Amino acid sequence: MKATGMNTAADVIDEIVEALEAQGLEVEQYYPELGWGQQELSIKPAPALRAADRHILYRETVRGVALRRGLYALFAPKPWVDQAGNGCHIHFSGWSKDGTINRFHDQSQAYGLSAVARQFMGGVLEHLPGLVALTCASVNSYRRLQPQTWASAYRVWGPDNREGALRVASPTRSREAQSTNVELKASDSSANPYISLGGVIAAGLDGIDRQLELPPPVTTDPHLLSDEERRAINADRLPQSLEEAIGNLRSDHVLMDALGERLGGSYIAVKEADIAAFASEDQAFELRQHAYKF
């Protein structure tokens, strides 16, 4: 959030929280993040479709309150190359139809993860090289997906490993069954939330259908491992450009089938147009366009 005039961060955040809660978007936590003027507000979780709706409402509310105070709220993945990027991490879990049982939780298993959770995670990891074309959907996204930036650069998972693409978040004490969840860190606000969440679900369900096994967890920064150590656990580097990610998406039949021919073809065409447009411009143009678009 770029501040001007007499506004203080506390004043603006208070007004944003008030506006969100007036619309039924319950704020669960807030804290200032690492970058210049960077803030994090988390709202209460919801089923996938409602969560996508809420994300759009959340984003437009923040922008609106900021503009009313003469500010710009920037959600671009990497507004400044020398500062922390903006993620939009996806926390997910799987629940019974009546919403009473967290199917991802099994206290008898490592990290409290059920077999279903592990299979779902296996599917997400399997499809992640193409999935990031949906969850990290802009040219600018790949400036953020760099090693040792807490953004995830490798296809690994681990308990509270902030350098892993999938992080098993520590559950809330005494509420382990309700709070067990997994975080996809390779995600940002340049993504269409309906498409990105749909892609995550399609990938995870494929993992359940095929009963995929998770590779060993990684509890250290995967960038510090040797090439041989990373190969042994399939800790591949995530795509380093939108062009690479779109190429992976095009060859991922599960994700393309989930998108459908019309949407999948249109999505790829639009992203390829973006790739070509930004390839002919300089870095300043890219940063400016993404800052004001997102």
C-alpha atoms as a PDB file:
ATOM      1  CA  MET A   1       0.000   0.000   0.000  1.00  0.00           C
ATOM      2  CA  LYS A   2       1.590   3.271  -1.111  1.00  0.00           C
ATOM      3  CA  ALA A   3       0.864   5.937   1.500  1.00  0.00           C
ATOM      4  CA  THR A   4       0.590   9.705   1.046  1.00  0.00           C
ATOM      5  CA  GLY A   5      -0.468  12.677   3.170  1.00  0.00           C
ATOM      6  CA  MET A   6      -1.489  12.261   6.790  1.00  0.00           C
ATOM      7  CA  ASN A   7      -2.802   8.707   6.548  1.00  0.00           C
ATOM      8  CA  THR A   8      -1.343   6.207   8.990  1.00  0.00           C
ATOM      9  CA  ALA A   9      -1.274   2.459   8.405  1.00  0.00           C
ATOM     10  CA  ALA A  10      -3.374   1.904  11.536  1.00  0.00           C
ATOM     11  CA  ASP A  11      -6.082   4.304  10.365  1.00  0.00           C
ATOM     12  CA  VAL A  12      -6.305   2.703   6.941  1.00  0.00           C
ATOM     13  CA  ILE A  13      -6.283  -0.851   8.295  1.00  0.00           C
ATOM     14  CA  ASP A  14      -9.014  -0.007  10.803  1.00  0.00           C
ATOM     15  CA  GLU A  15     -11.190   1.376   8.010  1.00  0.00           C
ATOM     16  CA  ILE A  16     -10.516  -1.654   5.790  1.00  0.00           C
ATOM     17  CA  VAL A  17     -11.416  -4.071   8.595  1.00  0.00           C
ATOM     18  CA  GLU A  18     -14.609  -2.134   9.302  1.00  0.00           C
ATOM     19  CA  ALA A  19     -15.583  -2.190   5.606  1.00  0.00           C
ATOM     20  CA  LEU A  20     -14.834  -5.910   5.262  1.00  0.00           C
ATOM     21  CA  GLU A  21     -16.790  -6.902   8.370  1.00  0.00           C
ATOM     22  CA  ALA A  22     -19.733  -4.731   7.295  1.00  0.00           C
ATOM     23  CA  GLN A  23     -19.965  -7.055   4.277  1.00  0.00           C
ATOM     24  CA  GLY A  24     -19.758 -10.243   6.336  1.00  0.00           C
ATOM     25  CA  LEU A  25     -16.051 -10.862   5.687  1.00  0.00           C
ATOM     26  CA  GLU A  26     -14.713 -11.775   9.111  1.00  0.00           C
ATOM     27  CA  VAL A  27     -11.084 -10.754   9.618  1.00  0.00           C
ATOM     28  CA  GLU A  28      -9.157 -13.402  11.529  1.00  0.00           C
ATOM     29  CA  GLN A  29      -5.717 -11.807  11.802  1.00  0.00           C
ATOM     30  CA  TYR A  30      -3.613  -8.840  10.753  1.00  0.00           C
ATOM     31  CA  TYR A  31       0.075  -8.053  10.848  1.00  0.00           C
ATOM     32  CA  PRO A  32       2.524  -5.822   8.979  1.00  0.00           C
ATOM     33  CA  GLU A  33       4.651  -7.775   6.537  1.00  0.00           C
ATOM     34  CA  LEU A  34       8.284  -7.443   5.487  1.00  0.00           C
ATOM     35  CA  GLY A  35       8.113  -5.078   2.499  1.00  0.00           C
ATOM     36  CA  TRP A  36       7.528  -1.327   2.177  1.00  0.00           C
ATOM     37  CA  GLY A  37       4.029  -0.572   3.430  1.00  0.00           C
ATOM     38  CA  GLN A  38       3.191  -4.261   3.079  1.00  0.00           C
ATOM     39  CA  GLN A  39       0.239  -5.505   5.137  1.00  0.00           C
ATOM     40  CA  GLU A  40      -1.466  -8.866   5.555  1.00  0.00           C
ATOM     41  CA  LEU A  41      -5.138  -9.297   6.439  1.00  0.00           C
ATOM     42  CA  SER A  42      -6.562 -12.804   6.572  1.00  0.00           C
ATOM     43  CA  ILE A  43     -10.284 -13.475   6.401  1.00  0.00           C
ATOM     44  CA  LYS A  44     -12.223 -16.494   7.587  1.00  0.00           C
ATOM     45  CA  PRO A  45     -12.087 -19.576   5.307  1.00  0.00           C
ATOM     46  CA  ALA A  46     -15.032 -20.709   3.212  1.00  0.00           C
ATOM     47  CA  PRO A  47     -15.942 -23.421   0.682  1.00  0.00           C
ATOM     48  CA  ALA A  48     -14.078 -22.986  -2.612  1.00  0.00           C
ATOM     49  CA  LEU A  49     -16.654 -21.089  -4.671  1.00  0.00           C
ATOM     50  CA  ARG A  50     -17.573 -18.783  -1.804  1.00  0.00           C
ATOM     51  CA  ALA A  51     -13.873 -18.262  -1.053  1.00  0.00           C
ATOM     52  CA  ALA A  52     -13.302 -17.105  -4.639  1.00  0.00           C
ATOM     53  CA  ASP A  53     -16.258 -14.720  -4.373  1.00  0.00           C
ATOM     54  CA  ARG A  54     -14.897 -13.358  -1.096  1.00  0.00           C
ATOM     55  CA  HIS A  55     -11.432 -12.898  -2.546  1.00  0.00           C
ATOM     56  CA  ILE A  56     -12.775 -10.613  -5.276  1.00  0.00           C
ATOM     57  CA  LEU A  57     -14.855  -8.668  -2.752  1.00  0.00           C
ATOM     58  CA  TYR A  58     -11.892  -8.434  -0.370  1.00  0.00           C
ATOM     59  CA  ARG A  59      -9.550  -7.125  -3.053  1.00  0.00           C
ATOM     60  CA  GLU A  60     -11.979  -4.512  -4.379  1.00  0.00           C
ATOM     61  CA  THR A  61     -12.841  -3.357  -0.860  1.00  0.00           C
ATOM     62  CA  VAL A  62      -9.183  -2.822   0.015  1.00  0.00           C
ATOM     63  CA  ARG A  63      -8.641  -0.907  -3.233  1.00  0.00           C
ATOM     64  CA  GLY A  64     -11.741   1.203  -2.657  1.00  0.00           C
ATOM     65  CA  VAL A  65     -10.879   2.179   0.909  1.00  0.00           C
ATOM     66  CA  ALA A  66      -7.307   2.983  -0.132  1.00  0.00           C
ATOM     67  CA  LEU A  67      -8.426   5.185  -3.023  1.00  0.00           C
ATOM     68  CA  ARG A  68     -10.849   7.022  -0.763  1.00  0.00           C
ATOM     69  CA  ARG A  69      -7.830   8.015   1.310  1.00  0.00           C
ATOM     70  CA  GLY A  70      -5.715   8.949  -1.712  1.00  0.00           C
ATOM     71  CA  LEU A  71      -3.694   5.705  -1.665  1.00  0.00           C
ATOM     72  CA  TYR A  72      -2.998   2.875  -4.063  1.00  0.00           C
ATOM     73  CA  ALA A  73      -3.274  -0.703  -2.783  1.00  0.00           C
ATOM     74  CA  LEU A  74      -0.920  -2.855  -4.849  1.00  0.00           C
ATOM     75  CA  PHE A  75      -1.497  -6.611  -5.139  1.00  0.00           C
ATOM     76  CA  ALA A  76       1.072  -7.179  -7.930  1.00  0.00           C
ATOM     77  CA  PRO A  77       3.344 -10.188  -7.272  1.00  0.00           C
ATOM     78  CA  LYS A  78       6.520  -8.080  -7.428  1.00  0.00           C
ATOM     79  CA  PRO A  79       5.862  -4.315  -7.439  1.00  0.00           C
ATOM     80  CA  TRP A  80       9.541  -3.577  -6.726  1.00  0.00           C
ATOM     81  CA  VAL A  81      12.339  -5.941  -7.717  1.00  0.00           C
ATOM     82  CA  ASP A  82      14.382  -5.202  -4.576  1.00  0.00           C
ATOM     83  CA  GLN A  83      11.525  -5.681  -2.106  1.00  0.00           C
ATOM     84  CA  ALA A  84       9.440  -8.599  -0.848  1.00  0.00           C
ATOM     85  CA  GLY A  85       6.783  -9.810  -3.244  1.00  0.00           C
ATOM     86  CA  ASN A  86       3.045 -10.132  -2.650  1.00  0.00           C
ATOM     87  CA  GLY A  87       1.678 -13.636  -2.435  1.00  0.00           C
ATOM     88  CA  CYS A  88      -1.899 -14.795  -2.171  1.00  0.00           C
ATOM     89  CA  HIS A  89      -1.312 -18.158  -0.543  1.00  0.00           C
ATOM     90  CA  ILE A  90      -4.082 -20.749  -0.683  1.00  0.00           C
ATOM     91  CA  HIS A  91      -4.815 -22.596   2.570  1.00  0.00           C
ATOM     92  CA  PHE A  92      -6.955 -25.645   1.932  1.00  0.00           C
ATOM     93  CA  SER A  93      -8.429 -28.654   3.682  1.00  0.00           C
ATOM     94  CA  GLY A  94     -11.125 -31.195   2.835  1.00  0.00           C
ATOM     95  CA  TRP A  95     -14.341 -31.503   4.829  1.00  0.00           C
ATOM     96  CA  SER A  96     -17.341 -33.814   5.034  1.00  0.00           C
ATOM     97  CA  LYS A  97     -20.452 -32.647   3.194  1.00  0.00           C
ATOM     98  CA  ASP A  98     -22.082 -31.457   6.401  1.00  0.00           C
ATOM     99  CA  GLY A  99     -18.966 -29.463   7.311  1.00  0.00           C
ATOM    100  CA  THR A 100     -18.384 -31.232  10.622  1.00  0.00           C
ATOM    101  CA  ILE A 101     -15.346 -33.447   9.915  1.00  0.00           C
ATOM    102  CA  ASN A 102     -11.993 -32.338   8.553  1.00  0.00           C
ATOM    103  CA  ARG A 103     -11.033 -35.227   6.261  1.00  0.00           C
ATOM    104  CA  PHE A 104      -7.443 -33.963   6.113  1.00  0.00           C
ATOM    105  CA  HIS A 105      -6.881 -34.665   9.820  1.00  0.00           C
ATOM    106  CA  ASP A 106      -5.683 -37.944  11.298  1.00  0.00           C
ATOM    107  CA  GLN A 107      -3.928 -37.588  14.634  1.00  0.00           C
ATOM    108  CA  SER A 108      -2.401 -41.063  14.347  1.00  0.00           C
ATOM    109  CA  GLN A 109      -0.423 -40.116  11.225  1.00  0.00           C
ATOM    110  CA  ALA A 110       2.691 -37.997  10.769  1.00  0.00           C
ATOM    111  CA  TYR A 111       1.982 -34.259  10.973  1.00  0.00           C
ATOM    112  CA  GLY A 112      -1.680 -35.116  11.605  1.00  0.00           C
ATOM    113  CA  LEU A 113      -2.275 -35.669   7.865  1.00  0.00           C
ATOM    114  CA  SER A 114      -4.795 -38.278   6.759  1.00  0.00           C
ATOM    115  CA  ALA A 115      -4.274 -40.554   3.761  1.00  0.00           C
ATOM    116  CA  VAL A 116      -6.721 -38.405   1.791  1.00  0.00           C
ATOM    117  CA  ALA A 117      -4.750 -35.262   2.608  1.00  0.00           C
ATOM    118  CA  ARG A 118      -1.497 -36.851   1.529  1.00  0.00           C
ATOM    119  CA  GLN A 119      -2.990 -38.085  -1.730  1.00  0.00           C
ATOM    120  CA  PHE A 120      -4.489 -34.667  -2.444  1.00  0.00           C
ATOM    121  CA  MET A 121      -1.134 -33.032  -1.766  1.00  0.00           C
ATOM    122  CA  GLY A 122       0.526 -35.608  -4.008  1.00  0.00           C
ATOM    123  CA  GLY A 123      -1.766 -34.566  -6.829  1.00  0.00           C
ATOM    124  CA  VAL A 124      -1.027 -30.872  -6.329  1.00  0.00           C
ATOM    125  CA  LEU A 125       2.725 -31.531  -6.352  1.00  0.00           C
ATOM    126  CA  GLU A 126       2.405 -33.773  -9.423  1.00  0.00           C
ATOM    127  CA  HIS A 127       0.628 -31.082 -11.432  1.00  0.00           C
ATOM    128  CA  LEU A 128       2.383 -28.041  -9.958  1.00  0.00           C
ATOM    129  CA  PRO A 129       4.622 -27.323 -12.997  1.00  0.00           C
ATOM    130  CA  GLY A 130       1.463 -26.633 -15.024  1.00  0.00           C
ATOM    131  CA  LEU A 131      -0.752 -25.546 -12.135  1.00  0.00           C
ATOM    132  CA  VAL A 132       1.376 -22.458 -11.471  1.00  0.00           C
ATOM    133  CA  ALA A 133       0.230 -21.140 -14.859  1.00  0.00           C
ATOM    134  CA  LEU A 134      -3.160 -20.794 -13.134  1.00  0.00           C
ATOM    135  CA  THR A 135      -2.069 -19.753  -9.636  1.00  0.00           C
ATOM    136  CA  CYS A 136       0.845 -17.500 -10.682  1.00  0.00           C
ATOM    137  CA  ALA A 137      -0.787 -16.106 -13.758  1.00  0.00           C
ATOM    138  CA  SER A 138       1.291 -13.099 -14.805  1.00  0.00           C
ATOM    139  CA  VAL A 139       4.691 -12.364 -16.298  1.00  0.00           C
ATOM    140  CA  ASN A 140       5.527 -10.523 -13.079  1.00  0.00           C
ATOM    141  CA  SER A 141       4.710 -13.601 -10.942  1.00  0.00           C
ATOM    142  CA  TYR A 142       7.992 -15.269 -11.784  1.00  0.00           C
ATOM    143  CA  ARG A 143      10.070 -12.448 -10.352  1.00  0.00           C
ATOM    144  CA  ARG A 144       8.548 -13.488  -7.035  1.00  0.00           C
ATOM    145  CA  LEU A 145       9.034 -17.273  -7.327  1.00  0.00           C
ATOM    146  CA  GLN A 146      12.715 -17.145  -6.446  1.00  0.00           C
ATOM    147  CA  PRO A 147      14.740 -19.160  -3.907  1.00  0.00           C
ATOM    148  CA  GLN A 148      15.080 -17.920  -0.342  1.00  0.00           C
ATOM    149  CA  THR A 149      12.261 -15.373  -0.552  1.00  0.00           C
ATOM    150  CA  TRP A 150       9.550 -17.369   1.299  1.00  0.00           C
ATOM    151  CA  ALA A 151       7.721 -17.579  -2.025  1.00  0.00           C
ATOM    152  CA  SER A 152       8.571 -21.216  -2.897  1.00  0.00           C
ATOM    153  CA  ALA A 153      10.853 -22.016  -5.800  1.00  0.00           C
ATOM    154  CA  TYR A 154      10.983 -25.817  -5.580  1.00  0.00           C
ATOM    155  CA  ARG A 155       8.403 -28.557  -5.869  1.00  0.00           C
ATOM    156  CA  VAL A 156       8.658 -29.827  -2.284  1.00  0.00           C
ATOM    157  CA  TRP A 157       6.496 -30.001   0.804  1.00  0.00           C
ATOM    158  CA  GLY A 158       7.249 -29.875   4.481  1.00  0.00           C
ATOM    159  CA  PRO A 159       5.940 -29.027   7.961  1.00  0.00           C
ATOM    160  CA  ASP A 160       6.088 -25.247   8.404  1.00  0.00           C
ATOM    161  CA  ASN A 161       8.698 -25.018   5.651  1.00  0.00           C
ATOM    162  CA  ARG A 162       8.208 -21.559   4.183  1.00  0.00           C
ATOM    163  CA  GLU A 163      10.506 -22.360   1.256  1.00  0.00           C
ATOM    164  CA  GLY A 164       8.401 -25.341   0.167  1.00  0.00           C
ATOM    165  CA  ALA A 165       5.667 -25.081  -2.436  1.00  0.00           C
ATOM    166  CA  LEU A 166       3.341 -26.888  -0.023  1.00  0.00           C
ATOM    167  CA  ARG A 167       3.571 -26.067   3.668  1.00  0.00           C
ATOM    168  CA  VAL A 168       1.769 -28.095   6.309  1.00  0.00           C
ATOM    169  CA  ALA A 169       0.742 -25.363   8.728  1.00  0.00           C
ATOM    170  CA  SER A 170       1.021 -26.048  12.443  1.00  0.00           C
ATOM    171  CA  PRO A 171      -2.512 -26.584  13.776  1.00  0.00           C
ATOM    172  CA  THR A 172      -4.007 -24.538  16.562  1.00  0.00           C
ATOM    173  CA  ARG A 173      -3.373 -26.152  19.929  1.00  0.00           C
ATOM    174  CA  SER A 174      -6.447 -27.973  21.284  1.00  0.00           C
ATOM    175  CA  ARG A 175      -8.183 -27.455  17.901  1.00  0.00           C
ATOM    176  CA  GLU A 176      -6.002 -29.746  15.814  1.00  0.00           C
ATOM    177  CA  ALA A 177      -8.894 -31.548  14.121  1.00  0.00           C
ATOM    178  CA  GLN A 178     -10.505 -28.290  13.013  1.00  0.00           C
ATOM    179  CA  SER A 179      -7.344 -26.418  12.019  1.00  0.00           C
ATOM    180  CA  THR A 180      -5.283 -28.978  10.084  1.00  0.00           C
ATOM    181  CA  ASN A 181      -4.632 -27.432   6.675  1.00  0.00           C
ATOM    182  CA  VAL A 182      -2.087 -27.167   3.883  1.00  0.00           C
ATOM    183  CA  GLU A 183      -0.781 -23.959   2.306  1.00  0.00           C
ATOM    184  CA  LEU A 184       0.074 -23.576  -1.371  1.00  0.00           C
ATOM    185  CA  LYS A 185       2.645 -20.796  -1.438  1.00  0.00           C
ATOM    186  CA  ALA A 186       3.065 -20.685  -5.231  1.00  0.00           C
ATOM    187  CA  SER A 187       0.033 -18.436  -5.683  1.00  0.00           C
ATOM    188  CA  ASP A 188      -0.548 -14.702  -6.062  1.00  0.00           C
ATOM    189  CA  SER A 189      -3.265 -12.148  -6.762  1.00  0.00           C
ATOM    190  CA  SER A 190      -2.646 -11.989 -10.505  1.00  0.00           C
ATOM    191  CA  ALA A 191      -4.584 -15.269 -10.667  1.00  0.00           C
ATOM    192  CA  ASN A 192      -8.297 -15.544 -11.356  1.00  0.00           C
ATOM    193  CA  PRO A 193      -9.390 -17.133  -8.044  1.00  0.00           C
ATOM    194  CA  TYR A 194     -12.100 -19.240  -9.688  1.00  0.00           C
ATOM    195  CA  ILE A 195      -9.641 -20.723 -12.172  1.00  0.00           C
ATOM    196  CA  SER A 196      -6.789 -21.161  -9.693  1.00  0.00           C
ATOM    197  CA  LEU A 197      -8.952 -22.858  -7.041  1.00  0.00           C
ATOM    198  CA  GLY A 198     -10.514 -25.054  -9.717  1.00  0.00           C
ATOM    199  CA  GLY A 199      -7.039 -26.085 -10.830  1.00  0.00           C
ATOM    200  CA  VAL A 200      -5.956 -26.939  -7.282  1.00  0.00           C
ATOM    201  CA  ILE A 201      -9.077 -29.058  -6.790  1.00  0.00           C
ATOM    202  CA  ALA A 202      -8.624 -30.873 -10.110  1.00  0.00           C
ATOM    203  CA  ALA A 203      -4.981 -31.627  -9.294  1.00  0.00           C
ATOM    204  CA  GLY A 204      -5.778 -32.813  -5.770  1.00  0.00           C
ATOM    205  CA  LEU A 205      -8.669 -35.018  -6.852  1.00  0.00           C
ATOM    206  CA  ASP A 206      -6.409 -36.640  -9.438  1.00  0.00           C
ATOM    207  CA  GLY A 207      -4.032 -37.453  -6.598  1.00  0.00           C
ATOM    208  CA  ILE A 208      -6.863 -39.082  -4.647  1.00  0.00           C
ATOM    209  CA  ASP A 209      -8.097 -41.007  -7.694  1.00  0.00           C
ATOM    210  CA  ARG A 210      -4.599 -42.350  -8.343  1.00  0.00           C
ATOM    211  CA  GLN A 211      -3.736 -42.726  -4.636  1.00  0.00           C
ATOM    212  CA  LEU A 212      -0.481 -40.867  -5.160  1.00  0.00           C
ATOM    213  CA  GLU A 213       2.251 -41.098  -2.559  1.00  0.00           C
ATOM    214  CA  LEU A 214       3.969 -38.022  -1.231  1.00  0.00           C
ATOM    215  CA  PRO A 215       7.751 -37.777  -1.564  1.00  0.00           C
ATOM    216  CA  PRO A 216       9.693 -37.386   1.703  1.00  0.00           C
ATOM    217  CA  PRO A 217       9.083 -34.099   3.537  1.00  0.00           C
ATOM    218  CA  VAL A 218      11.725 -31.395   3.347  1.00  0.00           C
ATOM    219  CA  THR A 219      12.441 -29.623   6.623  1.00  0.00           C
ATOM    220  CA  THR A 220      15.215 -27.343   5.382  1.00  0.00           C
ATOM    221  CA  ASP A 221      15.585 -24.775   2.639  1.00  0.00           C
ATOM    222  CA  PRO A 222      15.688 -26.886  -0.567  1.00  0.00           C
ATOM    223  CA  HIS A 223      17.975 -24.314  -2.184  1.00  0.00           C
ATOM    224  CA  LEU A 224      20.664 -25.350   0.298  1.00  0.00           C
ATOM    225  CA  LEU A 225      20.544 -28.981  -0.848  1.00  0.00           C
ATOM    226  CA  SER A 226      22.889 -30.259  -3.513  1.00  0.00           C
ATOM    227  CA  ASP A 227      21.590 -31.015  -7.006  1.00  0.00           C
ATOM    228  CA  GLU A 228      21.931 -34.716  -6.212  1.00  0.00           C
ATOM    229  CA  GLU A 229      19.952 -34.370  -2.970  1.00  0.00           C
ATOM    230  CA  ARG A 230      17.182 -32.474  -4.758  1.00  0.00           C
ATOM    231  CA  ARG A 231      17.011 -35.086  -7.530  1.00  0.00           C
ATOM    232  CA  ALA A 232      16.666 -37.854  -4.947  1.00  0.00           C
ATOM    233  CA  ILE A 233      13.414 -36.312  -3.635  1.00  0.00           C
ATOM    234  CA  ASN A 234      12.154 -34.920  -6.976  1.00  0.00           C
ATOM    235  CA  ALA A 235      12.639 -31.364  -5.714  1.00  0.00           C
ATOM    236  CA  ASP A 236      12.390 -29.812  -9.160  1.00  0.00           C
ATOM    237  CA  ARG A 237      12.715 -26.067  -9.676  1.00  0.00           C
ATOM    238  CA  LEU A 238       9.344 -24.512 -10.403  1.00  0.00           C
ATOM    239  CA  PRO A 239       8.921 -22.755 -13.768  1.00  0.00           C
ATOM    240  CA  GLN A 240      10.967 -19.587 -14.011  1.00  0.00           C
ATOM    241  CA  SER A 241       8.715 -17.804 -16.477  1.00  0.00           C
ATOM    242  CA  LEU A 242       5.065 -17.638 -17.437  1.00  0.00           C
ATOM    243  CA  GLU A 243       6.063 -18.999 -20.838  1.00  0.00           C
ATOM    244  CA  GLU A 244       7.529 -22.132 -19.256  1.00  0.00           C
ATOM    245  CA  ALA A 245       4.476 -22.575 -17.015  1.00  0.00           C
ATOM    246  CA  ILE A 246       2.051 -22.210 -19.939  1.00  0.00           C
ATOM    247  CA  GLY A 247       4.002 -24.841 -21.862  1.00  0.00           C
ATOM    248  CA  ASN A 248       3.606 -27.218 -18.926  1.00  0.00           C
ATOM    249  CA  LEU A 249      -0.099 -26.416 -18.637  1.00  0.00           C
ATOM    250  CA  ARG A 250      -0.659 -27.136 -22.305  1.00  0.00           C
ATOM    251  CA  SER A 251       0.727 -30.677 -21.865  1.00  0.00           C
ATOM    252  CA  ASP A 252      -1.108 -31.377 -18.576  1.00  0.00           C
ATOM    253  CA  HIS A 253      -4.178 -33.321 -19.692  1.00  0.00           C
ATOM    254  CA  VAL A 254      -5.810 -33.356 -16.248  1.00  0.00           C
ATOM    255  CA  LEU A 255      -5.723 -29.578 -15.911  1.00  0.00           C
ATOM    256  CA  MET A 256      -6.662 -28.950 -19.538  1.00  0.00           C
ATOM    257  CA  ASP A 257      -9.610 -31.353 -19.265  1.00  0.00           C
ATOM    258  CA  ALA A 258     -10.718 -29.579 -16.092  1.00  0.00           C
ATOM    259  CA  LEU A 259     -10.582 -26.210 -17.859  1.00  0.00           C
ATOM    260  CA  GLY A 260     -12.418 -27.513 -20.901  1.00  0.00           C
ATOM    261  CA  GLU A 261     -11.506 -26.868 -24.509  1.00  0.00           C
ATOM    262  CA  ARG A 262     -13.037 -23.405 -24.794  1.00  0.00           C
ATOM    263  CA  LEU A 263     -11.758 -21.930 -21.534  1.00  0.00           C
ATOM    264  CA  GLY A 264      -8.402 -23.700 -21.733  1.00  0.00           C
ATOM    265  CA  GLY A 265      -7.743 -22.513 -25.272  1.00  0.00           C
ATOM    266  CA  SER A 266      -8.813 -18.949 -24.490  1.00  0.00           C
ATOM    267  CA  TYR A 267      -6.753 -18.833 -21.307  1.00  0.00           C
ATOM    268  CA  ILE A 268      -3.578 -19.957 -23.056  1.00  0.00           C
ATOM    269  CA  ALA A 269      -4.155 -17.533 -25.940  1.00  0.00           C
ATOM    270  CA  VAL A 270      -4.510 -14.580 -23.558  1.00  0.00           C
ATOM    271  CA  LYS A 271      -1.417 -15.533 -21.579  1.00  0.00           C
ATOM    272  CA  GLU A 272       0.646 -16.027 -24.732  1.00  0.00           C
ATOM    273  CA  ALA A 273      -0.417 -12.537 -25.841  1.00  0.00           C
ATOM    274  CA  ASP A 274       0.761 -11.170 -22.481  1.00  0.00           C
ATOM    275  CA  ILE A 275       4.088 -12.978 -22.817  1.00  0.00           C
ATOM    276  CA  ALA A 276       4.663 -11.515 -26.279  1.00  0.00           C
ATOM    277  CA  ALA A 277       3.597  -8.002 -25.219  1.00  0.00           C
ATOM    278  CA  PHE A 278       5.874  -7.810 -22.203  1.00  0.00           C
ATOM    279  CA  ALA A 279       8.813  -9.399 -24.046  1.00  0.00           C
ATOM    280  CA  SER A 280       9.050  -6.279 -26.203  1.00  0.00           C
ATOM    281  CA  GLU A 281       9.063  -3.867 -23.237  1.00  0.00           C
ATOM    282  CA  ASP A 282      11.509  -3.058 -20.459  1.00  0.00           C
ATOM    283  CA  GLN A 283      11.387  -3.887 -16.739  1.00  0.00           C
ATOM    284  CA  ALA A 284       9.967  -0.508 -15.745  1.00  0.00           C
ATOM    285  CA  PHE A 285       7.014  -1.014 -18.086  1.00  0.00           C
ATOM    286  CA  GLU A 286       6.323  -4.455 -16.622  1.00  0.00           C
ATOM    287  CA  LEU A 287       6.419  -3.245 -13.029  1.00  0.00           C
ATOM    288  CA  ARG A 288       4.230  -0.235 -13.760  1.00  0.00           C
ATOM    289  CA  GLN A 289       1.632  -2.220 -15.714  1.00  0.00           C
ATOM    290  CA  HIS A 290       1.354  -4.951 -13.093  1.00  0.00           C
ATOM    291  CA  ALA A 291       1.257  -2.483 -10.185  1.00  0.00           C
ATOM    292  CA  TYR A 292      -1.743  -0.623 -11.528  1.00  0.00           C
ATOM    293  CA  LYS A 293      -3.508  -3.649 -13.023  1.00  0.00           C
ATOM    294  CA  PHE A 294      -3.290  -5.760  -9.881  1.00  0.00           C
END
